[in-house]
Amino acid sequence: MYNRQRSDSNQAGIVKELRSIGCSVLVISATCEVDIIVGWRGKNYLFEIKRIDKELRPNQKELHASWKGQIDRVESFENCMKIMED
C-alpha cells in the first residue's frame, strides 16, 4: 500500500516554473510513486522530484528500475528542461 510522504520543498517552485513556460503539469504525488506528469511539445514526462540530499524510497527505486518508459529523478527546473530538450 502506498504511504504518502510530504512533498519535497522544491516541488512547488519546479511546478510553477514549468507552468510558466507553457507546460501542462499534473501533480500526482498524493496517489503515486511519481510526483508529476509534464506535457510539453507533444510529449509526456514522468518526474520524481527530490532535494539533492534525499534518496529515493525503496518502492520508488523499484518503480524506476521496472518502468518500461521514461521516468526521471529531478532536483530542479533546470534538470527538467535538460531532459525535455534532449
PDB file of N, CA and C in Angstrom:
ATOM      1  N   MET A   1       0.841  -1.186   0.000  1.00  0.00           N
ATOM      2  CA  MET A   1       0.000   0.000   0.000  1.00  0.00           C
ATOM      3  C   MET A   1       0.877   1.238   0.000  1.00  0.00           C
ATOM      4  N   TYR A   2       0.430   2.246  -0.684  1.00  0.00           N
ATOM      5  CA  TYR A   2       1.191   3.491  -0.815  1.00  0.00           C
ATOM      6  C   TYR A   2       1.053   4.327   0.444  1.00  0.00           C
ATOM      7  N   ASN A   3       2.177   4.761   0.980  1.00  0.00           N
ATOM      8  CA  ASN A   3       2.203   5.611   2.158  1.00  0.00           C
ATOM      9  C   ASN A   3       2.777   6.955   1.761  1.00  0.00           C
ATOM     10  N   ARG A   4       1.932   7.941   1.560  1.00  0.00           N
ATOM     11  CA  ARG A   4       2.346   9.255   1.065  1.00  0.00           C
ATOM     12  C   ARG A   4       3.184  10.014   2.072  1.00  0.00           C
ATOM     13  N   GLN A   5       4.329  10.443   1.605  1.00  0.00           N
ATOM     14  CA  GLN A   5       5.203  11.316   2.372  1.00  0.00           C
ATOM     15  C   GLN A   5       4.927  12.755   1.940  1.00  0.00           C
ATOM     16  N   ARG A   6       5.425  13.701   2.689  1.00  0.00           N
ATOM     17  CA  ARG A   6       5.296  15.102   2.276  1.00  0.00           C
ATOM     18  C   ARG A   6       6.098  15.349   1.010  1.00  0.00           C
ATOM     19  N   SER A   7       5.641  16.326   0.226  1.00  0.00           N
ATOM     20  CA  SER A   7       6.375  16.696  -0.983  1.00  0.00           C
ATOM     21  C   SER A   7       7.701  17.329  -0.595  1.00  0.00           C
ATOM     22  N   ASP A   8       8.705  17.112  -1.427  1.00  0.00           N
ATOM     23  CA  ASP A   8       9.971  17.788  -1.193  1.00  0.00           C
ATOM     24  C   ASP A   8       9.758  19.288  -1.353  1.00  0.00           C
ATOM     25  N   SER A   9      10.526  20.066  -0.640  1.00  0.00           N
ATOM     26  CA  SER A   9      10.326  21.514  -0.583  1.00  0.00           C
ATOM     27  C   SER A   9      10.522  22.215  -1.925  1.00  0.00           C
ATOM     28  N   ASN A  10      11.191  21.579  -2.860  1.00  0.00           N
ATOM     29  CA  ASN A  10      11.439  22.202  -4.156  1.00  0.00           C
ATOM     30  C   ASN A  10      10.325  21.933  -5.170  1.00  0.00           C
ATOM     31  N   GLN A  11       9.344  21.107  -4.839  1.00  0.00           N
ATOM     32  CA  GLN A  11       8.312  20.723  -5.801  1.00  0.00           C
ATOM     33  C   GLN A  11       7.473  21.898  -6.276  1.00  0.00           C
ATOM     34  N   ALA A  12       6.966  22.718  -5.382  1.00  0.00           N
ATOM     35  CA  ALA A  12       6.082  23.829  -5.769  1.00  0.00           C
ATOM     36  C   ALA A  12       6.773  24.787  -6.733  1.00  0.00           C
ATOM     37  N   GLY A  13       8.030  25.102  -6.493  1.00  0.00           N
ATOM     38  CA  GLY A  13       8.763  26.011  -7.368  1.00  0.00           C
ATOM     39  C   GLY A  13       8.983  25.426  -8.748  1.00  0.00           C
ATOM     40  N   ILE A  14       9.311  24.145  -8.811  1.00  0.00           N
ATOM     41  CA  ILE A  14       9.521  23.489 -10.097  1.00  0.00           C
ATOM     42  C   ILE A  14       8.222  23.479 -10.895  1.00  0.00           C
ATOM     43  N   VAL A  15       7.120  23.116 -10.244  1.00  0.00           N
ATOM     44  CA  VAL A  15       5.814  23.094 -10.913  1.00  0.00           C
ATOM     45  C   VAL A  15       5.464  24.485 -11.436  1.00  0.00           C
ATOM     46  N   LYS A  16       5.687  25.510 -10.632  1.00  0.00           N
ATOM     47  CA  LYS A  16       5.376  26.884 -11.037  1.00  0.00           C
ATOM     48  C   LYS A  16       6.195  27.294 -12.269  1.00  0.00           C
ATOM     49  N   GLU A  17       7.485  26.975 -12.260  1.00  0.00           N
ATOM     50  CA  GLU A  17       8.336  27.349 -13.394  1.00  0.00           C
ATOM     51  C   GLU A  17       7.949  26.592 -14.657  1.00  0.00           C
ATOM     52  N   LEU A  18       7.632  25.306 -14.531  1.00  0.00           N
ATOM     53  CA  LEU A  18       7.217  24.530 -15.703  1.00  0.00           C
ATOM     54  C   LEU A  18       5.940  25.111 -16.300  1.00  0.00           C
ATOM     55  N   ARG A  19       4.981  25.440 -15.458  1.00  0.00           N
ATOM     56  CA  ARG A  19       3.735  26.029 -15.949  1.00  0.00           C
ATOM     57  C   ARG A  19       3.983  27.389 -16.589  1.00  0.00           C
ATOM     58  N   SER A  20       4.950  28.134 -16.078  1.00  0.00           N
ATOM     59  CA  SER A  20       5.216  29.478 -16.602  1.00  0.00           C
ATOM     60  C   SER A  20       5.747  29.452 -18.038  1.00  0.00           C
ATOM     61  N   ILE A  21       6.327  28.328 -18.457  1.00  0.00           N
ATOM     62  CA  ILE A  21       6.820  28.232 -19.840  1.00  0.00           C
ATOM     63  C   ILE A  21       5.817  27.502 -20.739  1.00  0.00           C
ATOM     64  N   GLY A  22       4.631  27.223 -20.215  1.00  0.00           N
ATOM     65  CA  GLY A  22       3.574  26.640 -21.026  1.00  0.00           C
ATOM     66  C   GLY A  22       3.390  25.141 -20.906  1.00  0.00           C
ATOM     67  N   CYS A  23       4.052  24.511 -19.957  1.00  0.00           N
ATOM     68  CA  CYS A  23       3.874  23.071 -19.756  1.00  0.00           C
ATOM     69  C   CYS A  23       2.537  22.797 -19.076  1.00  0.00           C
ATOM     70  N   SER A  24       1.946  21.657 -19.417  1.00  0.00           N
ATOM     71  CA  SER A  24       0.841  21.121 -18.628  1.00  0.00           C
ATOM     72  C   SER A  24       1.493  20.323 -17.515  1.00  0.00           C
ATOM     73  N   VAL A  25       1.062  20.520 -16.279  1.00  0.00           N
ATOM     74  CA  VAL A  25       1.645  19.790 -15.161  1.00  0.00           C
ATOM     75  C   VAL A  25       0.524  19.201 -14.316  1.00  0.00           C
ATOM     76  N   LEU A  26       0.567  17.886 -14.158  1.00  0.00           N
ATOM     77  CA  LEU A  26      -0.376  17.189 -13.307  1.00  0.00           C
ATOM     78  C   LEU A  26       0.390  16.674 -12.103  1.00  0.00           C
ATOM     79  N   VAL A  27       0.036  17.157 -10.912  1.00  0.00           N
ATOM     80  CA  VAL A  27       0.694  16.731  -9.680  1.00  0.00           C
ATOM     81  C   VAL A  27      -0.024  15.478  -9.195  1.00  0.00           C
ATOM     82  N   ILE A  28       0.707  14.364  -9.149  1.00  0.00           N
ATOM     83  CA  ILE A  28       0.114  13.086  -8.760  1.00  0.00           C
ATOM     84  C   ILE A  28       0.791  12.479  -7.539  1.00  0.00           C
ATOM     85  N   SER A  29       1.589  13.259  -6.855  1.00  0.00           N
ATOM     86  CA  SER A  29       2.382  12.748  -5.740  1.00  0.00           C
ATOM     87  C   SER A  29       1.540  12.209  -4.591  1.00  0.00           C
ATOM     88  N   ALA A  30       0.304  12.651  -4.463  1.00  0.00           N
ATOM     89  CA  ALA A  30      -0.545  12.172  -3.367  1.00  0.00           C
ATOM     90  C   ALA A  30      -1.061  10.758  -3.608  1.00  0.00           C
ATOM     91  N   THR A  31      -0.994  10.283  -4.845  1.00  0.00           N
ATOM     92  CA  THR A  31      -1.572   8.975  -5.152  1.00  0.00           C
ATOM     93  C   THR A  31      -0.616   8.021  -5.841  1.00  0.00           C
ATOM     94  N   CYS A  32       0.616   8.419  -6.055  1.00  0.00           N
ATOM     95  CA  CYS A  32       1.512   7.626  -6.892  1.00  0.00           C
ATOM     96  C   CYS A  32       2.941   7.721  -6.388  1.00  0.00           C
ATOM     97  N   GLU A  33       3.813   6.886  -6.936  1.00  0.00           N
ATOM     98  CA  GLU A  33       5.236   6.906  -6.594  1.00  0.00           C
ATOM     99  C   GLU A  33       6.012   7.924  -7.409  1.00  0.00           C
ATOM    100  N   VAL A  34       5.340   8.634  -8.294  1.00  0.00           N
ATOM    101  CA  VAL A  34       5.940   9.685  -9.113  1.00  0.00           C
ATOM    102  C   VAL A  34       5.261  10.988  -8.724  1.00  0.00           C
ATOM    103  N   ASP A  35       5.994  12.095  -8.735  1.00  0.00           N
ATOM    104  CA  ASP A  35       5.423  13.362  -8.278  1.00  0.00           C
ATOM    105  C   ASP A  35       4.600  14.088  -9.328  1.00  0.00           C
ATOM    106  N   ILE A  36       5.118  14.185 -10.556  1.00  0.00           N
ATOM    107  CA  ILE A  36       4.407  14.970 -11.569  1.00  0.00           C
ATOM    108  C   ILE A  36       4.489  14.318 -12.945  1.00  0.00           C
ATOM    109  N   ILE A  37       3.463  14.597 -13.753  1.00  0.00           N
ATOM    110  CA  ILE A  37       3.486  14.297 -15.169  1.00  0.00           C
ATOM    111  C   ILE A  37       3.490  15.645 -15.876  1.00  0.00           C
ATOM    112  N   VAL A  38       4.431  15.811 -16.807  1.00  0.00           N
ATOM    113  CA  VAL A  38       4.565  17.070 -17.531  1.00  0.00           C
ATOM    114  C   VAL A  38       4.315  16.813 -19.014  1.00  0.00           C
ATOM    115  N   GLY A  39       3.443  17.613 -19.600  1.00  0.00           N
ATOM    116  CA  GLY A  39       3.225  17.575 -21.035  1.00  0.00           C
ATOM    117  C   GLY A  39       3.871  18.795 -21.671  1.00  0.00           C
ATOM    118  N   TRP A  40       4.739  18.556 -22.674  1.00  0.00           N
ATOM    119  CA  TRP A  40       5.444  19.661 -23.317  1.00  0.00           C
ATOM    120  C   TRP A  40       5.837  19.269 -24.727  1.00  0.00           C
ATOM    121  N   ARG A  41       5.455  20.106 -25.665  1.00  0.00           N
ATOM    122  CA  ARG A  41       5.784  19.892 -27.072  1.00  0.00           C
ATOM    123  C   ARG A  41       5.359  18.509 -27.575  1.00  0.00           C
ATOM    124  N   GLY A  42       4.159  18.086 -27.170  1.00  0.00           N
ATOM    125  CA  GLY A  42       3.593  16.830 -27.654  1.00  0.00           C
ATOM    126  C   GLY A  42       4.106  15.572 -26.978  1.00  0.00           C
ATOM    127  N   LYS A  43       4.899  15.709 -25.933  1.00  0.00           N
ATOM    128  CA  LYS A  43       5.428  14.547 -25.212  1.00  0.00           C
ATOM    129  C   LYS A  43       5.071  14.643 -23.741  1.00  0.00           C
ATOM    130  N   ASN A  44       5.083  13.493 -23.069  1.00  0.00           N
ATOM    131  CA  ASN A  44       4.821  13.426 -21.635  1.00  0.00           C
ATOM    132  C   ASN A  44       6.076  12.970 -20.905  1.00  0.00           C
ATOM    133  N   TYR A  45       6.279  13.511 -19.734  1.00  0.00           N
ATOM    134  CA  TYR A  45       7.455  13.192 -18.919  1.00  0.00           C
ATOM    135  C   TYR A  45       7.014  12.876 -17.497  1.00  0.00           C
ATOM    136  N   LEU A  46       7.567  11.804 -16.938  1.00  0.00           N
ATOM    137  CA  LEU A  46       7.321  11.454 -15.536  1.00  0.00           C
ATOM    138  C   LEU A  46       8.533  11.885 -14.724  1.00  0.00           C
ATOM    139  N   PHE A  47       8.284  12.669 -13.681  1.00  0.00           N
ATOM    140  CA  PHE A  47       9.376  13.155 -12.843  1.00  0.00           C
ATOM    141  C   PHE A  47       9.112  12.872 -11.369  1.00  0.00           C
ATOM    142  N   GLU A  48      10.119  12.359 -10.710  1.00  0.00           N
ATOM    143  CA  GLU A  48      10.139  12.252  -9.256  1.00  0.00           C
ATOM    144  C   GLU A  48      11.032  13.385  -8.774  1.00  0.00           C
ATOM    145  N   ILE A  49      10.464  14.299  -8.004  1.00  0.00           N
ATOM    146  CA  ILE A  49      11.207  15.464  -7.522  1.00  0.00           C
ATOM    147  C   ILE A  49      11.789  15.154  -6.150  1.00  0.00           C
ATOM    148  N   LYS A  50      13.080  15.315  -6.035  1.00  0.00           N
ATOM    149  CA  LYS A  50      13.780  15.118  -4.762  1.00  0.00           C
ATOM    150  C   LYS A  50      14.754  16.257  -4.548  1.00  0.00           C
ATOM    151  N   ARG A  51      14.941  16.622  -3.306  1.00  0.00           N
ATOM    152  CA  ARG A  51      16.039  17.531  -2.995  1.00  0.00           C
ATOM    153  C   ARG A  51      17.328  16.756  -3.212  1.00  0.00           C
ATOM    154  N   ILE A  52      18.392  17.470  -3.464  1.00  0.00           N
ATOM    155  CA  ILE A  52      19.665  16.825  -3.786  1.00  0.00           C
ATOM    156  C   ILE A  52      20.157  15.921  -2.644  1.00  0.00           C
ATOM    157  N   ASP A  53      19.779  16.243  -1.411  1.00  0.00           N
ATOM    158  CA  ASP A  53      20.237  15.467  -0.255  1.00  0.00           C
ATOM    159  C   ASP A  53      19.305  14.312   0.109  1.00  0.00           C
ATOM    160  N   LYS A  54      18.285  14.048  -0.697  1.00  0.00           N
ATOM    161  CA  LYS A  54      17.319  12.985  -0.410  1.00  0.00           C
ATOM    162  C   LYS A  54      17.492  11.818  -1.372  1.00  0.00           C
ATOM    163  N   GLU A  55      17.275  10.621  -0.874  1.00  0.00           N
ATOM    164  CA  GLU A  55      17.333   9.400  -1.677  1.00  0.00           C
ATOM    165  C   GLU A  55      15.929   8.971  -2.070  1.00  0.00           C
ATOM    166  N   LEU A  56      15.842   8.200  -3.146  1.00  0.00           N
ATOM    167  CA  LEU A  56      14.568   7.573  -3.487  1.00  0.00           C
ATOM    168  C   LEU A  56      14.228   6.541  -2.416  1.00  0.00           C
ATOM    169  N   ARG A  57      12.937   6.410  -2.112  1.00  0.00           N
ATOM    170  CA  ARG A  57      12.493   5.366  -1.193  1.00  0.00           C
ATOM    171  C   ARG A  57      12.568   4.019  -1.916  1.00  0.00           C
ATOM    172  N   PRO A  58      12.631   2.905  -1.188  1.00  0.00           N
ATOM    173  CA  PRO A  58      12.747   1.592  -1.834  1.00  0.00           C
ATOM    174  C   PRO A  58      11.671   1.330  -2.898  1.00  0.00           C
ATOM    175  N   ASN A  59      10.436   1.697  -2.638  1.00  0.00           N
ATOM    176  CA  ASN A  59       9.383   1.464  -3.626  1.00  0.00           C
ATOM    177  C   ASN A  59       9.566   2.352  -4.853  1.00  0.00           C
ATOM    178  N   GLN A  60      10.138   3.530  -4.697  1.00  0.00           N
ATOM    179  CA  GLN A  60      10.431   4.393  -5.838  1.00  0.00           C
ATOM    180  C   GLN A  60      11.571   3.804  -6.668  1.00  0.00           C
ATOM    181  N   LYS A  61      12.601   3.289  -5.999  1.00  0.00           N
ATOM    182  CA  LYS A  61      13.712   2.642  -6.707  1.00  0.00           C
ATOM    183  C   LYS A  61      13.207   1.469  -7.530  1.00  0.00           C
ATOM    184  N   GLU A  62      12.291   0.695  -6.956  1.00  0.00           N
ATOM    185  CA  GLU A  62      11.726  -0.446  -7.668  1.00  0.00           C
ATOM    186  C   GLU A  62      10.967   0.009  -8.922  1.00  0.00           C
ATOM    187  N   LEU A  63      10.167   1.060  -8.781  1.00  0.00           N
ATOM    188  CA  LEU A  63       9.431   1.585  -9.932  1.00  0.00           C
ATOM    189  C   LEU A  63      10.384   2.067 -11.017  1.00  0.00           C
ATOM    190  N   HIS A  64      11.403   2.815 -10.641  1.00  0.00           N
ATOM    191  CA  HIS A  64      12.358   3.344 -11.619  1.00  0.00           C
ATOM    192  C   HIS A  64      13.068   2.206 -12.358  1.00  0.00           C
ATOM    193  N   ALA A  65      13.374   1.137 -11.649  1.00  0.00           N
ATOM    194  CA  ALA A  65      14.073   0.005 -12.266  1.00  0.00           C
ATOM    195  C   ALA A  65      13.172  -0.802 -13.196  1.00  0.00           C
ATOM    196  N   SER A  66      11.887  -0.866 -12.905  1.00  0.00           N
ATOM    197  CA  SER A  66      10.994  -1.738 -13.674  1.00  0.00           C
ATOM    198  C   SER A  66      10.177  -1.014 -14.742  1.00  0.00           C
ATOM    199  N   TRP A  67      10.116   0.328 -14.694  1.00  0.00           N
ATOM    200  CA  TRP A  67       9.288   1.088 -15.628  1.00  0.00           C
ATOM    201  C   TRP A  67       9.839   0.959 -17.041  1.00  0.00           C
ATOM    202  N   LYS A  68       8.978   0.671 -18.005  1.00  0.00           N
ATOM    203  CA  LYS A  68       9.398   0.441 -19.396  1.00  0.00           C
ATOM    204  C   LYS A  68       9.459   1.723 -20.225  1.00  0.00           C
ATOM    205  N   GLY A  69       9.022   2.830 -19.668  1.00  0.00           N
ATOM    206  CA  GLY A  69       9.070   4.114 -20.360  1.00  0.00           C
ATOM    207  C   GLY A  69       9.998   5.078 -19.650  1.00  0.00           C
ATOM    208  N   GLN A  70       9.851   6.344 -19.986  1.00  0.00           N
ATOM    209  CA  GLN A  70      10.683   7.398 -19.401  1.00  0.00           C
ATOM    210  C   GLN A  70      10.206   7.703 -17.987  1.00  0.00           C
ATOM    211  N   ILE A  71      11.136   7.806 -17.075  1.00  0.00           N
ATOM    212  CA  ILE A  71      10.896   8.277 -15.709  1.00  0.00           C
ATOM    213  C   ILE A  71      12.237   8.797 -15.192  1.00  0.00           C
ATOM    214  N   ASP A  72      12.241   9.976 -14.606  1.00  0.00           N
ATOM    215  CA  ASP A  72      13.495  10.569 -14.147  1.00  0.00           C
ATOM    216  C   ASP A  72      13.342  11.208 -12.780  1.00  0.00           C
ATOM    217  N   ARG A  73      14.413  11.155 -12.033  1.00  0.00           N
ATOM    218  CA  ARG A  73      14.524  11.885 -10.776  1.00  0.00           C
ATOM    219  C   ARG A  73      15.103  13.251 -11.119  1.00  0.00           C
ATOM    220  N   VAL A  74      14.504  14.316 -10.583  1.00  0.00           N
ATOM    221  CA  VAL A  74      14.991  15.671 -10.826  1.00  0.00           C
ATOM    222  C   VAL A  74      15.083  16.430  -9.517  1.00  0.00           C
ATOM    223  N   GLU A  75      15.975  17.406  -9.496  1.00  0.00           N
ATOM    224  CA  GLU A  75      16.132  18.265  -8.320  1.00  0.00           C
ATOM    225  C   GLU A  75      15.751  19.705  -8.591  1.00  0.00           C
ATOM    226  N   SER A  76      15.622  20.068  -9.883  1.00  0.00           N
ATOM    227  CA  SER A  76      15.395  21.469 -10.216  1.00  0.00           C
ATOM    228  C   SER A  76      14.661  21.610 -11.544  1.00  0.00           C
ATOM    229  N   PHE A  77      14.180  22.809 -11.794  1.00  0.00           N
ATOM    230  CA  PHE A  77      13.585  23.158 -13.079  1.00  0.00           C
ATOM    231  C   PHE A  77      14.594  22.914 -14.200  1.00  0.00           C
ATOM    232  N   GLU A  78      15.834  23.271 -13.974  1.00  0.00           N
ATOM    233  CA  GLU A  78      16.880  23.096 -14.982  1.00  0.00           C
ATOM    234  C   GLU A  78      17.068  21.622 -15.331  1.00  0.00           C
ATOM    235  N   ASN A  79      16.991  20.733 -14.321  1.00  0.00           N
ATOM    236  CA  ASN A  79      17.061  19.299 -14.594  1.00  0.00           C
ATOM    237  C   ASN A  79      15.930  18.869 -15.521  1.00  0.00           C
ATOM    238  N   CYS A  80      14.733  19.344 -15.262  1.00  0.00           N
ATOM    239  CA  CYS A  80      13.570  19.025 -16.100  1.00  0.00           C
ATOM    240  C   CYS A  80      13.806  19.481 -17.534  1.00  0.00           C
ATOM    241  N   MET A  81      14.261  20.720 -17.687  1.00  0.00           N
ATOM    242  CA  MET A  81      14.465  21.274 -19.028  1.00  0.00           C
ATOM    243  C   MET A  81      15.524  20.488 -19.793  1.00  0.00           C
ATOM    244  N   LYS A  82      16.591  20.093 -19.133  1.00  0.00           N
ATOM    245  CA  LYS A  82      17.640  19.321 -19.806  1.00  0.00           C
ATOM    246  C   LYS A  82      17.056  18.029 -20.353  1.00  0.00           C
ATOM    247  N   ILE A  83      16.243  17.346 -19.580  1.00  0.00           N
ATOM    248  CA  ILE A  83      15.631  16.091 -20.009  1.00  0.00           C
ATOM    249  C   ILE A  83      14.634  16.336 -21.142  1.00  0.00           C
ATOM    250  N   MET A  84      13.831  17.369 -21.017  1.00  0.00           N
ATOM    251  CA  MET A  84      12.792  17.619 -22.002  1.00  0.00           C
ATOM    252  C   MET A  84      13.358  18.166 -23.320  1.00  0.00           C
ATOM    253  N   GLU A  85      14.512  18.782 -23.290  1.00  0.00           N
ATOM    254  CA  GLU A  85      15.111  19.334 -24.506  1.00  0.00           C
ATOM    255  C   GLU A  85      15.994  18.338 -25.242  1.00  0.00           C
ATOM    256  N   ASP A  86      16.333  17.230 -24.624  1.00  0.00           N
ATOM    257  CA  ASP A  86      17.166  16.205 -25.296  1.00  0.00           C
ATOM    258  C   ASP A  86      16.357  15.445 -26.323  1.00  0.00           C
TER     259      ASP A  86
END
